[in-house]
Protein backbone atom coordinates (compact mmCIF):
# COMPACT_ATOMS: atom_id res chain seq x y z
CA UNK A 1 22.29 213.41 -67.67
CA UNK A 2 19.22 215.06 -65.40
CA UNK A 3 16.55 213.10 -67.34
CA UNK A 4 18.58 209.73 -66.21
CA UNK A 5 19.67 210.62 -62.72
CA UNK A 6 16.04 212.24 -61.47
CA UNK A 7 13.90 209.38 -62.41
CA UNK A 8 16.57 206.80 -60.37
CA UNK A 9 16.76 208.97 -57.59
CA UNK A 10 12.70 209.28 -57.27
CA UNK A 11 12.72 205.63 -57.86
CA UNK A 12 15.13 204.96 -55.04
CA UNK A 13 12.91 207.15 -53.16
CA UNK A 14 9.84 205.24 -53.81
CA UNK A 15 11.42 202.10 -53.19
CA UNK A 16 12.48 203.16 -49.70
CA UNK A 17 8.84 204.35 -49.05
CA UNK A 18 7.60 201.13 -50.54
CA UNK A 19 9.69 198.83 -48.14
CA UNK A 20 9.22 200.72 -45.05
CA UNK A 21 6.34 202.90 -44.72
CA UNK A 22 3.99 200.89 -46.67
CA UNK A 23 5.13 197.51 -45.16
CA UNK A 24 3.67 198.75 -41.80
CA UNK A 25 0.02 198.48 -43.20
CA UNK A 26 -2.55 196.48 -40.99
CA UNK A 27 -3.39 194.73 -44.10
CA UNK A 28 -0.06 193.32 -45.69
CA UNK A 29 -1.96 191.84 -48.69
CA UNK A 30 -3.31 195.13 -49.77
CA UNK A 31 -0.38 197.32 -50.33
CA UNK A 32 -0.01 199.06 -53.69
CA UNK A 33 3.41 198.63 -55.51
CA UNK A 34 4.49 202.45 -56.07
CA UNK A 35 7.43 201.04 -58.02
CA UNK A 36 5.17 199.23 -60.26
CA UNK A 37 3.13 202.55 -60.95
CA UNK A 38 6.27 204.79 -61.42
CA UNK A 39 7.42 202.22 -63.99
CA UNK A 40 4.25 202.41 -65.60
CA UNK A 41 4.42 206.18 -65.75
CA UNK A 42 7.99 205.73 -67.16
CA UNK A 43 6.47 203.70 -69.97
CA UNK A 44 4.32 206.66 -70.89
CA UNK A 45 7.16 209.30 -70.77
CA UNK A 46 10.43 208.13 -71.57
CA UNK A 47 11.80 206.00 -75.05
CA UNK A 48 12.05 202.79 -75.01
CA UNK A 49 16.21 202.55 -74.63
CA UNK A 50 16.29 204.76 -71.72
CA UNK A 51 13.11 203.89 -69.95
CA UNK A 52 14.18 200.01 -70.41
CA UNK A 53 17.38 200.89 -68.78
CA UNK A 54 15.60 202.72 -65.70
CA UNK A 55 13.05 199.68 -65.51
CA UNK A 56 15.93 197.25 -65.29
CA UNK A 57 17.88 199.47 -62.75
CA UNK A 58 14.60 199.55 -60.56
CA UNK A 59 14.01 196.22 -60.93
CA UNK A 60 17.62 195.14 -59.57
CA UNK A 61 17.39 197.45 -56.30
CA UNK A 62 13.84 196.08 -56.06
CA UNK A 63 15.56 192.21 -55.93
CA UNK A 64 18.38 193.61 -53.52
CA UNK A 65 15.64 195.26 -51.11
CA UNK A 66 12.87 192.78 -51.30
CA UNK A 67 15.03 189.64 -49.87
CA UNK A 68 14.01 187.21 -52.27
CA UNK A 69 16.06 185.47 -54.88
CA UNK A 70 17.83 187.83 -56.96
CA UNK A 71 16.35 187.98 -60.59
CA UNK A 72 12.46 187.97 -60.70
CA UNK A 73 12.11 191.84 -60.71
CA UNK A 74 15.21 192.51 -62.40
CA UNK A 75 13.49 190.34 -65.48
CA UNK A 76 9.79 191.38 -64.88
CA UNK A 77 9.92 195.20 -64.54
CA UNK A 78 11.60 195.37 -67.95
CA UNK A 79 9.20 193.36 -69.56
CA UNK A 80 6.29 195.34 -67.98
CA UNK A 81 7.93 198.43 -69.06
CA UNK A 82 7.96 197.32 -72.62
CA UNK A 83 4.68 195.78 -72.62
CA UNK A 84 3.17 199.36 -71.32
CA UNK A 85 4.91 201.00 -74.14
CA UNK A 86 3.36 198.86 -76.62
CA UNK A 87 0.18 199.31 -74.91
CA UNK A 88 0.22 202.66 -73.80
CA UNK A 89 -1.56 204.33 -77.24
CA UNK A 90 -4.24 201.61 -76.99
CA UNK A 91 -5.46 202.93 -73.35
CA UNK A 92 -6.74 206.40 -72.82
CA UNK A 93 -5.07 206.86 -69.78
CA UNK A 94 -7.02 210.30 -68.66
CA UNK A 95 -9.61 208.74 -66.68
CA UNK A 96 -9.74 206.83 -63.17
CA UNK A 97 -11.01 203.76 -64.99
CA UNK A 98 -8.27 203.56 -67.58
CA UNK A 99 -5.90 204.00 -65.38
CA UNK A 100 -6.98 201.61 -62.94
CA UNK A 101 -7.35 198.98 -65.52
CA UNK A 102 -3.95 199.81 -66.99
CA UNK A 103 -1.99 199.35 -63.53
CA UNK A 104 -4.30 196.30 -62.75
CA UNK A 105 -3.67 194.65 -65.64
CA UNK A 106 0.43 195.17 -65.32
CA UNK A 107 0.26 194.18 -61.70
CA UNK A 108 -1.59 190.82 -62.54
CA UNK A 109 1.15 190.30 -65.53
CA UNK A 110 4.15 191.13 -63.37
CA UNK A 111 2.29 188.77 -60.82
CA UNK A 112 1.97 186.02 -63.00
CA UNK A 113 5.77 186.22 -64.44
CA UNK A 114 7.02 186.20 -61.21
CA UNK A 115 4.64 183.02 -59.89
CA UNK A 116 5.96 181.54 -63.24
CA UNK A 117 9.45 182.00 -62.67
CA UNK A 118 9.00 180.55 -58.99
CA UNK A 119 7.04 177.50 -60.19
CA UNK A 120 9.91 177.10 -62.83
CA UNK A 121 13.35 178.01 -61.12
CA UNK A 122 12.22 176.78 -57.53
CA UNK A 123 10.01 173.83 -58.26
CA UNK A 124 7.17 175.16 -55.92
CA UNK A 125 4.24 173.18 -56.36
CA UNK A 126 1.29 174.63 -58.63
CA UNK A 127 -1.26 174.03 -56.09
CA UNK A 128 0.61 176.90 -53.50
CA UNK A 129 1.06 179.16 -56.58
CA UNK A 130 -2.76 179.05 -57.33
CA UNK A 131 -3.65 180.07 -54.02
CA UNK A 132 -0.80 182.66 -53.76
CA UNK A 133 -2.70 184.40 -56.88
CA UNK A 134 -5.99 184.52 -55.09
CA UNK A 135 -4.88 185.47 -51.82
CA UNK A 136 -1.97 187.75 -52.65
CA UNK A 137 -1.95 188.83 -56.33
CA UNK A 138 -5.47 190.08 -56.77
CA UNK A 139 -5.49 192.03 -53.88
CA UNK A 140 -1.98 193.84 -54.37
CA UNK A 141 -2.93 194.22 -58.09
CA UNK A 142 -6.32 195.79 -57.23
CA UNK A 143 -4.89 198.58 -54.50
CA UNK A 144 -2.16 199.26 -57.03
CA UNK A 145 -5.00 200.17 -59.49
CA UNK A 146 -6.99 202.29 -56.80
CA UNK A 147 -3.82 204.26 -56.15
CA UNK A 148 -2.64 204.76 -59.56
CA UNK A 149 -4.64 207.58 -60.70
CA UNK A 150 -3.59 209.62 -57.62
CA UNK A 151 0.21 208.99 -58.20
CA UNK A 152 -0.23 209.60 -61.95
CA UNK A 153 -1.33 213.28 -61.12
CA UNK A 154 1.17 213.62 -58.52
CA UNK A 155 3.75 212.42 -61.42
CA UNK A 156 2.59 214.33 -63.94
CA UNK A 157 2.84 217.34 -61.80
CA UNK A 158 6.14 216.79 -60.70
CA UNK A 159 7.87 215.53 -64.11
CA UNK A 160 6.28 219.00 -65.33
CA UNK A 161 8.34 220.81 -62.81
CA UNK A 162 11.50 218.87 -62.99
CA UNK A 163 11.62 218.92 -66.73
CA UNK A 164 10.36 221.98 -68.17
CA UNK A 165 12.66 223.95 -70.36
CA UNK A 166 14.07 227.40 -68.80
CA UNK A 167 12.35 228.97 -71.60
CA UNK A 168 9.00 228.14 -70.50
CA UNK A 169 9.57 229.24 -67.28
CA UNK A 170 10.26 232.69 -68.57
CA UNK A 171 7.31 232.83 -70.63
CA UNK A 172 5.08 231.62 -68.11
CA UNK A 173 6.19 234.72 -65.87
CA UNK A 174 6.15 237.82 -68.51
């Protein structure tokens, strides 16, 4: 139970930080998506079913807090999670360039999925969506990629503290 509730609470904390603190940045288009980075980290850490459920719940919460039409993030976050699960073995995720590329690629993937959903379901003209790709999606994906290595380090240290076994703590003290 601790393995499910703790990441969900951490995801809610990151969602609150993202919607309050990061929304006050002076340059609105250069905001990293902390919840996407956390979803990518969960893809490296969790099994498919449990992580997919967590990604779905965090996408649903993102939809609730974003004020957009309900369902875009609920649909895209599990897709990004399962795609990251599939490709995690094909990336060497230990260095800055590979972590940057990993997050940048999946940020673009999620953005394209959402833009396609907007174009299909809302009937938005493709010209407006094409300009959004260059003015909003690329800067946000780039900033997400830049912040990812630092957050992966913090997530790794936090998960080693939260999920270590009691026997490991006794062995380290002895």
